[in-house]
Amino acid sequence: MFKKMIKAVVLSAALVAGGIGTLAVTASSSNQAAAQSIELRFGNGHAPRYRQGGRHFAPNFCDPRHALGKAQSMGIRRAHVVRNAPRRVAVAGFQRGQQVRVVFANQRGCPVIGYR
């Protein structure tokens, strides 16, 4: 068993040495200018991006623009803010040809509290 492993290591070393010799002959016979520079790059090639101000700021209330975006993602077309009260934000628009109205709570994340 030990003899088999030594034979495998010697054979691998011979193959590697032969490959390096072939590589050296190829490099010396090719263009000398190309063989004189080595470039190493790490990463994906993009510059790192940093957020300004550290942590992302999320307000503790429902911004009317966020309510509009949420209504549009629910499939409401031509959405517009109807009422922006202290406790709720109402958005109206059209869905499948019908006029609809969605009421969002004035809390973080704009949870839906009414739909008609």
PDB file of N, CA and C in Angstrom:
ATOM      1  N   MET A   1       0.827  -1.185   0.000  1.00  0.00           N
ATOM      2  CA  MET A   1       0.000   0.000   0.000  1.00  0.00           C
ATOM      3  C   MET A   1       0.873   1.250   0.000  1.00  0.00           C
ATOM      4  N   PHE A   2       1.920   1.232   0.850  1.00  0.00           N
ATOM      5  CA  PHE A   2       2.810   2.384   0.942  1.00  0.00           C
ATOM      6  C   PHE A   2       3.596   2.569  -0.355  1.00  0.00           C
ATOM      7  N   LYS A   3       3.957   1.443  -1.012  1.00  0.00           N
ATOM      8  CA  LYS A   3       4.697   1.509  -2.274  1.00  0.00           C
ATOM      9  C   LYS A   3       3.834   2.122  -3.373  1.00  0.00           C
ATOM     10  N   LYS A   4       2.542   1.807  -3.370  1.00  0.00           N
ATOM     11  CA  LYS A   4       1.629   2.375  -4.378  1.00  0.00           C
ATOM     12  C   LYS A   4       1.544   3.895  -4.237  1.00  0.00           C
ATOM     13  N   MET A   5       1.475   4.368  -2.980  1.00  0.00           N
ATOM     14  CA  MET A   5       1.365   5.800  -2.752  1.00  0.00           C
ATOM     15  C   MET A   5       2.646   6.516  -3.189  1.00  0.00           C
ATOM     16  N   ILE A   6       3.805   5.924  -2.911  1.00  0.00           N
ATOM     17  CA  ILE A   6       5.066   6.539  -3.315  1.00  0.00           C
ATOM     18  C   ILE A   6       5.171   6.574  -4.836  1.00  0.00           C
ATOM     19  N   LYS A   7       4.730   5.507  -5.515  1.00  0.00           N
ATOM     20  CA  LYS A   7       4.751   5.491  -6.979  1.00  0.00           C
ATOM     21  C   LYS A   7       3.845   6.589  -7.538  1.00  0.00           C
ATOM     22  N   ALA A   8       2.669   6.789  -6.929  1.00  0.00           N
ATOM     23  CA  ALA A   8       1.744   7.815  -7.398  1.00  0.00           C
ATOM     24  C   ALA A   8       2.331   9.211  -7.209  1.00  0.00           C
ATOM     25  N   VAL A   9       3.005   9.439  -6.082  1.00  0.00           N
ATOM     26  CA  VAL A   9       3.600  10.745  -5.813  1.00  0.00           C
ATOM     27  C   VAL A   9       4.738  11.018  -6.788  1.00  0.00           C
ATOM     28  N   VAL A  10       5.570  10.014  -7.044  1.00  0.00           N
ATOM     29  CA  VAL A  10       6.687  10.184  -7.971  1.00  0.00           C
ATOM     30  C   VAL A  10       6.175  10.435  -9.382  1.00  0.00           C
ATOM     31  N   LEU A  11       5.150   9.704  -9.785  1.00  0.00           N
ATOM     32  CA  LEU A  11       4.570   9.891 -11.118  1.00  0.00           C
ATOM     33  C   LEU A  11       3.961  11.296 -11.246  1.00  0.00           C
ATOM     34  N   SER A  12       3.257  11.749 -10.218  1.00  0.00           N
ATOM     35  CA  SER A  12       2.668  13.096 -10.240  1.00  0.00           C
ATOM     36  C   SER A  12       3.750  14.167 -10.326  1.00  0.00           C
ATOM     37  N   ALA A  13       4.821  13.984  -9.561  1.00  0.00           N
ATOM     38  CA  ALA A  13       5.910  14.957  -9.588  1.00  0.00           C
ATOM     39  C   ALA A  13       6.570  15.000 -10.957  1.00  0.00           C
ATOM     40  N   ALA A  14       6.706  13.837 -11.596  1.00  0.00           N
ATOM     41  CA  ALA A  14       7.302  13.795 -12.936  1.00  0.00           C
ATOM     42  C   ALA A  14       6.414  14.499 -13.945  1.00  0.00           C
ATOM     43  N   LEU A  15       5.105  14.304 -13.841  1.00  0.00           N
ATOM     44  CA  LEU A  15       4.183  14.975 -14.761  1.00  0.00           C
ATOM     45  C   LEU A  15       4.208  16.492 -14.557  1.00  0.00           C
ATOM     46  N   VAL A  16       4.264  16.916 -13.324  1.00  0.00           N
ATOM     47  CA  VAL A  16       4.307  18.355 -13.035  1.00  0.00           C
ATOM     48  C   VAL A  16       5.603  18.959 -13.549  1.00  0.00           C
ATOM     49  N   ALA A  17       6.723  18.263 -13.321  1.00  0.00           N
ATOM     50  CA  ALA A  17       8.018  18.765 -13.787  1.00  0.00           C
ATOM     51  C   ALA A  17       8.048  18.847 -15.307  1.00  0.00           C
ATOM     52  N   GLY A  18       7.483  17.876 -15.967  1.00  0.00           N
ATOM     53  CA  GLY A  18       7.413  17.907 -17.432  1.00  0.00           C
ATOM     54  C   GLY A  18       6.542  19.044 -17.933  1.00  0.00           C
ATOM     55  N   GLY A  19       5.455  19.302 -17.230  1.00  0.00           N
ATOM     56  CA  GLY A  19       4.580  20.415 -17.601  1.00  0.00           C
ATOM     57  C   GLY A  19       5.248  21.749 -17.422  1.00  0.00           C
ATOM     58  N   ILE A  20       6.027  21.890 -16.351  1.00  0.00           N
ATOM     59  CA  ILE A  20       6.731  23.153 -16.107  1.00  0.00           C
ATOM     60  C   ILE A  20       7.809  23.359 -17.159  1.00  0.00           C
ATOM     61  N   GLY A  21       8.515  22.282 -17.541  1.00  0.00           N
ATOM     62  CA  GLY A  21       9.535  22.396 -18.587  1.00  0.00           C
ATOM     63  C   GLY A  21       8.922  22.794 -19.914  1.00  0.00           C
ATOM     64  N   THR A  22       7.773  22.219 -20.254  1.00  0.00           N
ATOM     65  CA  THR A  22       7.081  22.583 -21.488  1.00  0.00           C
ATOM     66  C   THR A  22       6.633  24.033 -21.436  1.00  0.00           C
ATOM     67  N   LEU A  23       6.145  24.457 -20.289  1.00  0.00           N
ATOM     68  CA  LEU A  23       5.697  25.834 -20.124  1.00  0.00           C
ATOM     69  C   LEU A  23       6.870  26.801 -20.272  1.00  0.00           C
ATOM     70  N   ALA A  24       8.024  26.460 -19.733  1.00  0.00           N
ATOM     71  CA  ALA A  24       9.188  27.334 -19.832  1.00  0.00           C
ATOM     72  C   ALA A  24       9.654  27.451 -21.275  1.00  0.00           C
ATOM     73  N   VAL A  25       9.646  26.352 -22.030  1.00  0.00           N
ATOM     74  CA  VAL A  25      10.046  26.383 -23.444  1.00  0.00           C
ATOM     75  C   VAL A  25       9.067  27.231 -24.234  1.00  0.00           C
ATOM     76  N   THR A  26       7.766  27.084 -23.959  1.00  0.00           N
ATOM     77  CA  THR A  26       6.747  27.861 -24.671  1.00  0.00           C
ATOM     78  C   THR A  26       6.895  29.341 -24.357  1.00  0.00           C
ATOM     79  N   ALA A  27       7.133  29.685 -23.093  1.00  0.00           N
ATOM     80  CA  ALA A  27       7.259  31.089 -22.710  1.00  0.00           C
ATOM     81  C   ALA A  27       8.500  31.719 -23.315  1.00  0.00           C
ATOM     82  N   SER A  28       9.589  30.973 -23.397  1.00  0.00           N
ATOM     83  CA  SER A  28      10.808  31.562 -23.938  1.00  0.00           C
ATOM     84  C   SER A  28      10.727  31.741 -25.446  1.00  0.00           C
ATOM     85  N   SER A  29       9.948  30.905 -26.120  1.00  0.00           N
ATOM     86  CA  SER A  29       9.843  31.032 -27.568  1.00  0.00           C
ATOM     87  C   SER A  29       8.770  32.038 -27.984  1.00  0.00           C
ATOM     88  N   SER A  30       7.907  32.440 -27.082  1.00  0.00           N
ATOM     89  CA  SER A  30       6.857  33.405 -27.430  1.00  0.00           C
ATOM     90  C   SER A  30       7.370  34.822 -27.238  1.00  0.00           C
ATOM     91  N   ASN A  31       6.498  35.761 -27.370  1.00  0.00           N
ATOM     92  CA  ASN A  31       6.831  37.178 -27.268  1.00  0.00           C
ATOM     93  C   ASN A  31       7.402  37.493 -25.882  1.00  0.00           C
ATOM     94  N   GLN A  32       8.565  38.099 -25.837  1.00  0.00           N
ATOM     95  CA  GLN A  32       9.237  38.388 -24.573  1.00  0.00           C
ATOM     96  C   GLN A  32       8.489  39.450 -23.759  1.00  0.00           C
ATOM     97  N   ALA A  33       7.830  40.411 -24.405  1.00  0.00           N
ATOM     98  CA  ALA A  33       7.148  41.487 -23.687  1.00  0.00           C
ATOM     99  C   ALA A  33       5.958  40.946 -22.905  1.00  0.00           C
ATOM    100  N   ALA A  34       5.291  39.956 -23.443  1.00  0.00           N
ATOM    101  CA  ALA A  34       4.125  39.413 -22.763  1.00  0.00           C
ATOM    102  C   ALA A  34       4.530  38.603 -21.540  1.00  0.00           C
ATOM    103  N   ALA A  35       5.709  38.020 -21.542  1.00  0.00           N
ATOM    104  CA  ALA A  35       6.150  37.174 -20.435  1.00  0.00           C
ATOM    105  C   ALA A  35       6.739  37.977 -19.293  1.00  0.00           C
ATOM    106  N   GLN A  36       6.883  39.281 -19.419  1.00  0.00           N
ATOM    107  CA  GLN A  36       7.533  40.066 -18.390  1.00  0.00           C
ATOM    108  C   GLN A  36       6.570  40.718 -17.410  1.00  0.00           C
ATOM    109  N   SER A  37       5.283  40.551 -17.584  1.00  0.00           N
ATOM    110  CA  SER A  37       4.347  41.184 -16.662  1.00  0.00           C
ATOM    111  C   SER A  37       3.423  40.137 -16.067  1.00  0.00           C
ATOM    112  N   ILE A  38       3.142  40.292 -14.801  1.00  0.00           N
ATOM    113  CA  ILE A  38       2.218  39.424 -14.090  1.00  0.00           C
ATOM    114  C   ILE A  38       1.201  40.325 -13.412  1.00  0.00           C
ATOM    115  N   GLU A  39      -0.068  39.963 -13.525  1.00  0.00           N
ATOM    116  CA  GLU A  39      -1.128  40.764 -12.925  1.00  0.00           C
ATOM    117  C   GLU A  39      -2.034  39.847 -12.128  1.00  0.00           C
ATOM    118  N   LEU A  40      -2.249  40.185 -10.871  1.00  0.00           N
ATOM    119  CA  LEU A  40      -3.136  39.421  -9.999  1.00  0.00           C
ATOM    120  C   LEU A  40      -4.311  40.303  -9.623  1.00  0.00           C
ATOM    121  N   ARG A  41      -5.520  39.765  -9.760  1.00  0.00           N
ATOM    122  CA  ARG A  41      -6.727  40.503  -9.382  1.00  0.00           C
ATOM    123  C   ARG A  41      -7.550  39.647  -8.449  1.00  0.00           C
ATOM    124  N   PHE A  42      -8.087  40.268  -7.438  1.00  0.00           N
ATOM    125  CA  PHE A  42      -8.947  39.581  -6.498  1.00  0.00           C
ATOM    126  C   PHE A  42     -10.288  40.295  -6.461  1.00  0.00           C
ATOM    127  N   GLY A  43     -11.374  39.559  -6.289  1.00  0.00           N
ATOM    128  CA  GLY A  43     -12.704  40.149  -6.223  1.00  0.00           C
ATOM    129  C   GLY A  43     -13.413  40.015  -7.550  1.00  0.00           C
ATOM    130  N   ASN A  44     -14.519  40.728  -7.684  1.00  0.00           N
ATOM    131  CA  ASN A  44     -15.336  40.625  -8.882  1.00  0.00           C
ATOM    132  C   ASN A  44     -15.119  41.775  -9.861  1.00  0.00           C
ATOM    133  N   GLY A  45     -14.177  42.659  -9.623  1.00  0.00           N
ATOM    134  CA  GLY A  45     -13.862  43.733 -10.550  1.00  0.00           C
ATOM    135  C   GLY A  45     -14.636  45.012 -10.323  1.00  0.00           C
ATOM    136  N   HIS A  46     -15.558  45.015  -9.362  1.00  0.00           N
ATOM    137  CA  HIS A  46     -16.344  46.217  -9.090  1.00  0.00           C
ATOM    138  C   HIS A  46     -15.810  46.904  -7.839  1.00  0.00           C
ATOM    139  N   ALA A  47     -15.888  48.217  -7.834  1.00  0.00           N
ATOM    140  CA  ALA A  47     -15.463  48.977  -6.664  1.00  0.00           C
ATOM    141  C   ALA A  47     -16.499  48.789  -5.557  1.00  0.00           C
ATOM    142  N   PRO A  48     -16.080  48.715  -4.307  1.00  0.00           N
ATOM    143  CA  PRO A  48     -17.054  48.543  -3.227  1.00  0.00           C
ATOM    144  C   PRO A  48     -17.912  49.790  -3.063  1.00  0.00           C
ATOM    145  N   ARG A  49     -19.171  49.578  -2.720  1.00  0.00           N
ATOM    146  CA  ARG A  49     -20.091  50.696  -2.501  1.00  0.00           C
ATOM    147  C   ARG A  49     -20.370  50.820  -1.015  1.00  0.00           C
ATOM    148  N   TYR A  50     -20.371  52.043  -0.554  1.00  0.00           N
ATOM    149  CA  TYR A  50     -20.647  52.297   0.849  1.00  0.00           C
ATOM    150  C   TYR A  50     -21.865  53.197   0.949  1.00  0.00           C
ATOM    151  N   ARG A  51     -22.685  52.910   1.936  1.00  0.00           N
ATOM    152  CA  ARG A  51     -23.850  53.766   2.163  1.00  0.00           C
ATOM    153  C   ARG A  51     -23.432  55.021   2.898  1.00  0.00           C
ATOM    154  N   GLN A  52     -24.027  56.111   2.552  1.00  0.00           N
ATOM    155  CA  GLN A  52     -23.747  57.360   3.241  1.00  0.00           C
ATOM    156  C   GLN A  52     -24.495  57.371   4.561  1.00  0.00           C
ATOM    157  N   GLY A  53     -23.815  57.728   5.613  1.00  0.00           N
ATOM    158  CA  GLY A  53     -24.487  57.876   6.887  1.00  0.00           C
ATOM    159  C   GLY A  53     -24.614  56.592   7.684  1.00  0.00           C
ATOM    160  N   GLY A  54     -23.991  55.509   7.277  1.00  0.00           N
ATOM    161  CA  GLY A  54     -24.045  54.286   8.065  1.00  0.00           C
ATOM    162  C   GLY A  54     -25.306  53.485   7.820  1.00  0.00           C
ATOM    163  N   ARG A  55     -26.135  53.347   8.832  1.00  0.00           N
ATOM    164  CA  ARG A  55     -27.326  52.504   8.731  1.00  0.00           C
ATOM    165  C   ARG A  55     -28.391  53.124   7.849  1.00  0.00           C
ATOM    166  N   HIS A  56     -29.215  52.264   7.265  1.00  0.00           N
ATOM    167  CA  HIS A  56     -30.335  52.729   6.447  1.00  0.00           C
ATOM    168  C   HIS A  56     -31.423  53.264   7.372  1.00  0.00           C
ATOM    169  N   PHE A  57     -31.957  54.421   7.040  1.00  0.00           N
ATOM    170  CA  PHE A  57     -32.975  55.051   7.877  1.00  0.00           C
ATOM    171  C   PHE A  57     -34.360  54.630   7.402  1.00  0.00           C
ATOM    172  N   ALA A  58     -35.157  54.078   8.291  1.00  0.00           N
ATOM    173  CA  ALA A  58     -36.547  53.728   7.994  1.00  0.00           C
ATOM    174  C   ALA A  58     -37.439  54.521   8.952  1.00  0.00           C
ATOM    175  N   PRO A  59     -38.303  55.373   8.407  1.00  0.00           N
ATOM    176  CA  PRO A  59     -39.134  56.196   9.288  1.00  0.00           C
ATOM    177  C   PRO A  59     -40.163  55.351  10.034  1.00  0.00           C
ATOM    178  N   ASN A  60     -40.650  55.874  11.150  1.00  0.00           N
ATOM    179  CA  ASN A  60     -41.651  55.178  11.956  1.00  0.00           C
ATOM    180  C   ASN A  60     -43.069  55.520  11.516  1.00  0.00           C
ATOM    181  N   PHE A  61     -43.228  56.050  10.318  1.00  0.00           N
ATOM    182  CA  PHE A  61     -44.551  56.382   9.816  1.00  0.00           C
ATOM    183  C   PHE A  61     -44.667  55.934   8.368  1.00  0.00           C
ATOM    184  N   CYS A  62     -45.873  55.971   7.832  1.00  0.00           N
ATOM    185  CA  CYS A  62     -46.133  55.568   6.451  1.00  0.00           C
ATOM    186  C   CYS A  62     -46.032  56.800   5.554  1.00  0.00           C
ATOM    187  N   ASP A  63     -44.984  56.864   4.781  1.00  0.00           N
ATOM    188  CA  ASP A  63     -44.808  57.953   3.835  1.00  0.00           C
ATOM    189  C   ASP A  63     -45.808  57.780   2.692  1.00  0.00           C
ATOM    190  N   PRO A  64     -46.468  58.839   2.227  1.00  0.00           N
ATOM    191  CA  PRO A  64     -47.431  58.692   1.128  1.00  0.00           C
ATOM    192  C   PRO A  64     -46.818  58.078  -0.137  1.00  0.00           C
ATOM    193  N   ARG A  65     -45.540  58.366  -0.407  1.00  0.00           N
ATOM    194  CA  ARG A  65     -44.901  57.753  -1.581  1.00  0.00           C
ATOM    195  C   ARG A  65     -44.748  56.249  -1.399  1.00  0.00           C
ATOM    196  N   HIS A  66     -44.462  55.819  -0.168  1.00  0.00           N
ATOM    197  CA  HIS A  66     -44.364  54.386   0.096  1.00  0.00           C
ATOM    198  C   HIS A  66     -45.726  53.725  -0.052  1.00  0.00           C
ATOM    199  N   ALA A  67     -46.784  54.406   0.402  1.00  0.00           N
ATOM    200  CA  ALA A  67     -48.140  53.876   0.254  1.00  0.00           C
ATOM    201  C   ALA A  67     -48.514  53.764  -1.226  1.00  0.00           C
ATOM    202  N   LEU A  68     -48.125  54.755  -2.042  1.00  0.00           N
ATOM    203  CA  LEU A  68     -48.392  54.676  -3.484  1.00  0.00           C
ATOM    204  C   LEU A  68     -47.666  53.495  -4.119  1.00  0.00           C
ATOM    205  N   GLY A  69     -46.417  53.315  -3.767  1.00  0.00           N
ATOM    206  CA  GLY A  69     -45.652  52.199  -4.310  1.00  0.00           C
ATOM    207  C   GLY A  69     -46.243  50.863  -3.918  1.00  0.00           C
ATOM    208  N   LYS A  70     -46.703  50.767  -2.684  1.00  0.00           N
ATOM    209  CA  LYS A  70     -47.308  49.522  -2.217  1.00  0.00           C
ATOM    210  C   LYS A  70     -48.632  49.262  -2.940  1.00  0.00           C
ATOM    211  N   ALA A  71     -49.409  50.315  -3.161  1.00  0.00           N
ATOM    212  CA  ALA A  71     -50.671  50.154  -3.888  1.00  0.00           C
ATOM    213  C   ALA A  71     -50.413  49.734  -5.334  1.00  0.00           C
ATOM    214  N   GLN A  72     -49.410  50.300  -5.961  1.00  0.00           N
ATOM    215  CA  GLN A  72     -49.091  49.910  -7.334  1.00  0.00           C
ATOM    216  C   GLN A  72     -48.594  48.474  -7.396  1.00  0.00           C
ATOM    217  N   SER A  73     -47.861  48.036  -6.392  1.00  0.00           N
ATOM    218  CA  SER A  73     -47.413  46.645  -6.382  1.00  0.00           C
ATOM    219  C   SER A  73     -48.567  45.687  -6.112  1.00  0.00           C
ATOM    220  N   MET A  74     -49.672  46.188  -5.536  1.00  0.00           N
ATOM    221  CA  MET A  74     -50.872  45.374  -5.350  1.00  0.00           C
ATOM    222  C   MET A  74     -51.687  45.279  -6.634  1.00  0.00           C
ATOM    223  N   GLY A  75     -51.278  46.003  -7.681  1.00  0.00           N
ATOM    224  CA  GLY A  75     -51.973  45.943  -8.965  1.00  0.00           C
ATOM    225  C   GLY A  75     -52.939  47.079  -9.204  1.00  0.00           C
ATOM    226  N   ILE A  76     -52.855  48.135  -8.427  1.00  0.00           N
ATOM    227  CA  ILE A  76     -53.749  49.286  -8.585  1.00  0.00           C
ATOM    228  C   ILE A  76     -53.098  50.264  -9.549  1.00  0.00           C
ATOM    229  N   ARG A  77     -53.819  50.546 -10.649  1.00  0.00           N
ATOM    230  CA  ARG A  77     -53.296  51.482 -11.648  1.00  0.00           C
ATOM    231  C   ARG A  77     -53.802  52.894 -11.353  1.00  0.00           C
ATOM    232  N   ARG A  78     -53.055  53.868 -11.835  1.00  0.00           N
ATOM    233  CA  ARG A  78     -53.383  55.286 -11.654  1.00  0.00           C
ATOM    234  C   ARG A  78     -53.629  55.614 -10.182  1.00  0.00           C
ATOM    235  N   ALA A  79     -52.782  55.067  -9.322  1.00  0.00           N
ATOM    236  CA  ALA A  79     -52.941  55.264  -7.876  1.00  0.00           C
ATOM    237  C   ALA A  79     -52.594  56.695  -7.493  1.00  0.00           C
ATOM    238  N   HIS A  80     -53.376  57.239  -6.576  1.00  0.00           N
ATOM    239  CA  HIS A  80     -53.114  58.573  -6.059  1.00  0.00           C
ATOM    240  C   HIS A  80     -53.577  58.645  -4.607  1.00  0.00           C
ATOM    241  N   VAL A  81     -52.933  59.516  -3.834  1.00  0.00           N
ATOM    242  CA  VAL A  81     -53.272  59.662  -2.422  1.00  0.00           C
ATOM    243  C   VAL A  81     -54.531  60.504  -2.303  1.00  0.00           C
ATOM    244  N   VAL A  82     -55.543  59.947  -1.629  1.00  0.00           N
ATOM    245  CA  VAL A  82     -56.807  60.653  -1.427  1.00  0.00           C
ATOM    246  C   VAL A  82     -56.785  61.409  -0.109  1.00  0.00           C
ATOM    247  N   ARG A  83     -56.266  60.772   0.941  1.00  0.00           N
ATOM    248  CA  ARG A  83     -56.251  61.402   2.250  1.00  0.00           C
ATOM    249  C   ARG A  83     -55.004  60.980   3.011  1.00  0.00           C
ATOM    250  N   ASN A  84     -54.372  61.943   3.663  1.00  0.00           N
ATOM    251  CA  ASN A  84     -53.205  61.681   4.492  1.00  0.00           C
ATOM    252  C   ASN A  84     -53.531  62.195   5.894  1.00  0.00           C
ATOM    253  N   ALA A  85     -54.172  61.338   6.692  1.00  0.00           N
ATOM    254  CA  ALA A  85     -54.599  61.699   8.044  1.00  0.00           C
ATOM    255  C   ALA A  85     -53.521  61.282   9.045  1.00  0.00           C
ATOM    256  N   PRO A  86     -53.634  61.742  10.291  1.00  0.00           N
ATOM    257  CA  PRO A  86     -52.623  61.358  11.285  1.00  0.00           C
ATOM    258  C   PRO A  86     -52.534  59.853  11.538  1.00  0.00           C
ATOM    259  N   ARG A  87     -53.635  59.111  11.370  1.00  0.00           N
ATOM    260  CA  ARG A  87     -53.604  57.676  11.659  1.00  0.00           C
ATOM    261  C   ARG A  87     -53.638  56.790  10.419  1.00  0.00           C
ATOM    262  N   ARG A  88     -53.963  57.339   9.261  1.00  0.00           N
ATOM    263  CA  ARG A  88     -54.086  56.508   8.064  1.00  0.00           C
ATOM    264  C   ARG A  88     -53.770  57.286   6.801  1.00  0.00           C
ATOM    265  N   VAL A  89     -53.404  56.530   5.761  1.00  0.00           N
ATOM    266  CA  VAL A  89     -53.157  57.092   4.437  1.00  0.00           C
ATOM    267  C   VAL A  89     -54.055  56.339   3.471  1.00  0.00           C
ATOM    268  N   ALA A  90     -54.915  57.065   2.762  1.00  0.00           N
ATOM    269  CA  ALA A  90     -55.852  56.440   1.828  1.00  0.00           C
ATOM    270  C   ALA A  90     -55.365  56.663   0.399  1.00  0.00           C
ATOM    271  N   VAL A  91     -55.382  55.590  -0.383  1.00  0.00           N
ATOM    272  CA  VAL A  91     -54.937  55.625  -1.777  1.00  0.00           C
ATOM    273  C   VAL A  91     -56.064  55.071  -2.631  1.00  0.00           C
ATOM    274  N   ALA A  92     -56.372  55.761  -3.728  1.00  0.00           N
ATOM    275  CA  ALA A  92     -57.422  55.317  -4.643  1.00  0.00           C
ATOM    276  C   ALA A  92     -56.831  55.095  -6.026  1.00  0.00           C
ATOM    277  N   GLY A  93     -57.500  54.260  -6.809  1.00  0.00           N
ATOM    278  CA  GLY A  93     -57.062  53.971  -8.167  1.00  0.00           C
ATOM    279  C   GLY A  93     -58.003  52.980  -8.813  1.00  0.00           C
ATOM    280  N   PHE A  94     -57.527  52.307  -9.866  1.00  0.00           N
ATOM    281  CA  PHE A  94     -58.353  51.360 -10.602  1.00  0.00           C
ATOM    282  C   PHE A  94     -57.682  49.996 -10.644  1.00  0.00           C
ATOM    283  N   GLN A  95     -58.524  48.957 -10.508  1.00  0.00           N
ATOM    284  CA  GLN A  95     -58.043  47.589 -10.608  1.00  0.00           C
ATOM    285  C   GLN A  95     -59.108  46.781 -11.319  1.00  0.00           C
ATOM    286  N   ARG A  96     -58.734  46.185 -12.465  1.00  0.00           N
ATOM    287  CA  ARG A  96     -59.645  45.394 -13.303  1.00  0.00           C
ATOM    288  C   ARG A  96     -60.886  46.187 -13.705  1.00  0.00           C
ATOM    289  N   GLY A  97     -60.690  47.452 -13.991  1.00  0.00           N
ATOM    290  CA  GLY A  97     -61.789  48.294 -14.450  1.00  0.00           C
ATOM    291  C   GLY A  97     -62.656  48.850 -13.340  1.00  0.00           C
ATOM    292  N   GLN A  98     -62.433  48.498 -12.133  1.00  0.00           N
ATOM    293  CA  GLN A  98     -63.225  48.964 -10.997  1.00  0.00           C
ATOM    294  C   GLN A  98     -62.409  49.979 -10.199  1.00  0.00           C
ATOM    295  N   GLN A  99     -63.105  50.966  -9.645  1.00  0.00           N
ATOM    296  CA  GLN A  99     -62.426  51.920  -8.781  1.00  0.00           C
ATOM    297  C   GLN A  99     -62.246  51.273  -7.413  1.00  0.00           C
ATOM    298  N   VAL A 100     -61.042  51.336  -6.887  1.00  0.00           N
ATOM    299  CA  VAL A 100     -60.740  50.737  -5.584  1.00  0.00           C
ATOM    300  C   VAL A 100     -60.084  51.773  -4.688  1.00  0.00           C
ATOM    301  N   ARG A 101     -60.156  51.483  -3.386  1.00  0.00           N
ATOM    302  CA  ARG A 101     -59.546  52.361  -2.395  1.00  0.00           C
ATOM    303  C   ARG A 101     -58.884  51.487  -1.331  1.00  0.00           C
ATOM    304  N   VAL A 102     -57.639  51.775  -1.039  1.00  0.00           N
ATOM    305  CA  VAL A 102     -56.886  51.025  -0.037  1.00  0.00           C
ATOM    306  C   VAL A 102     -56.485  51.999   1.059  1.00  0.00           C
ATOM    307  N   VAL A 103     -56.677  51.562   2.312  1.00  0.00           N
ATOM    308  CA  VAL A 103     -56.323  52.397   3.449  1.00  0.00           C
ATOM    309  C   VAL A 103     -55.156  51.721   4.169  1.00  0.00           C
ATOM    310  N   PHE A 104     -54.081  52.484   4.357  1.00  0.00           N
ATOM    311  CA  PHE A 104     -52.890  52.002   5.037  1.00  0.00           C
ATOM    312  C   PHE A 104     -52.784  52.666   6.401  1.00  0.00           C
ATOM    313  N   ALA A 105     -52.311  51.922   7.396  1.00  0.00           N
ATOM    314  CA  ALA A 105     -52.068  52.505   8.722  1.00  0.00           C
ATOM    315  C   ALA A 105     -50.821  53.373   8.648  1.00  0.00           C
ATOM    316  N   ASN A 106     -50.824  54.448   9.413  1.00  0.00           N
ATOM    317  CA  ASN A 106     -49.697  55.373   9.413  1.00  0.00           C
ATOM    318  C   ASN A 106     -48.639  54.869  10.393  1.00  0.00           C
ATOM    319  N   GLN A 107     -48.095  53.679  10.086  1.00  0.00           N
ATOM    320  CA  GLN A 107     -47.049  53.050  10.879  1.00  0.00           C
ATOM    321  C   GLN A 107     -45.940  52.612   9.951  1.00  0.00           C
ATOM    322  N   ARG A 108     -44.823  52.184  10.533  1.00  0.00           N
ATOM    323  CA  ARG A 108     -43.691  51.696   9.740  1.00  0.00           C
ATOM    324  C   ARG A 108     -44.135  50.490   8.888  1.00  0.00           C
ATOM    325  N   GLY A 109     -43.849  50.542   7.597  1.00  0.00           N
ATOM    326  CA  GLY A 109     -44.185  49.445   6.691  1.00  0.00           C
ATOM    327  C   GLY A 109     -45.523  49.595   6.007  1.00  0.00           C
ATOM    328  N   CYS A 110     -46.343  50.546   6.369  1.00  0.00           N
ATOM    329  CA  CYS A 110     -47.659  50.817   5.780  1.00  0.00           C
ATOM    330  C   CYS A 110     -48.539  49.555   5.713  1.00  0.00           C
ATOM    331  N   PRO A 111     -48.928  48.983   6.872  1.00  0.00           N
ATOM    332  CA  PRO A 111     -49.800  47.807   6.806  1.00  0.00           C
ATOM    333  C   PRO A 111     -51.190  48.178   6.296  1.00  0.00           C
ATOM    334  N   VAL A 112     -51.819  47.280   5.533  1.00  0.00           N
ATOM    335  CA  VAL A 112     -53.151  47.507   4.971  1.00  0.00           C
ATOM    336  C   VAL A 112     -54.177  47.305   6.074  1.00  0.00           C
ATOM    337  N   ILE A 113     -55.081  48.291   6.253  1.00  0.00           N
ATOM    338  CA  ILE A 113     -56.145  48.140   7.242  1.00  0.00           C
ATOM    339  C   ILE A 113     -57.530  48.187   6.594  1.00  0.00           C
ATOM    340  N   GLY A 114     -57.604  48.546   5.314  1.00  0.00           N
ATOM    341  CA  GLY A 114     -58.899  48.571   4.640  1.00  0.00           C
ATOM    342  C   GLY A 114     -58.726  48.479   3.135  1.00  0.00           C
ATOM    343  N   TYR A 115     -59.705  47.794   2.490  1.00  0.00           N
ATOM    344  CA  TYR A 115     -59.652  47.618   1.032  1.00  0.00           C
ATOM    345  C   TYR A 115     -61.083  47.537   0.541  1.00  0.00           C
ATOM    346  N   ARG A 116     -61.426  48.423  -0.402  1.00  0.00           N
ATOM    347  CA  ARG A 116     -62.763  48.295  -1.005  1.00  0.00           C
ATOM    348  C   ARG A 116     -62.754  48.819  -2.413  1.00  0.00           C
TER     349      ARG A 116
END
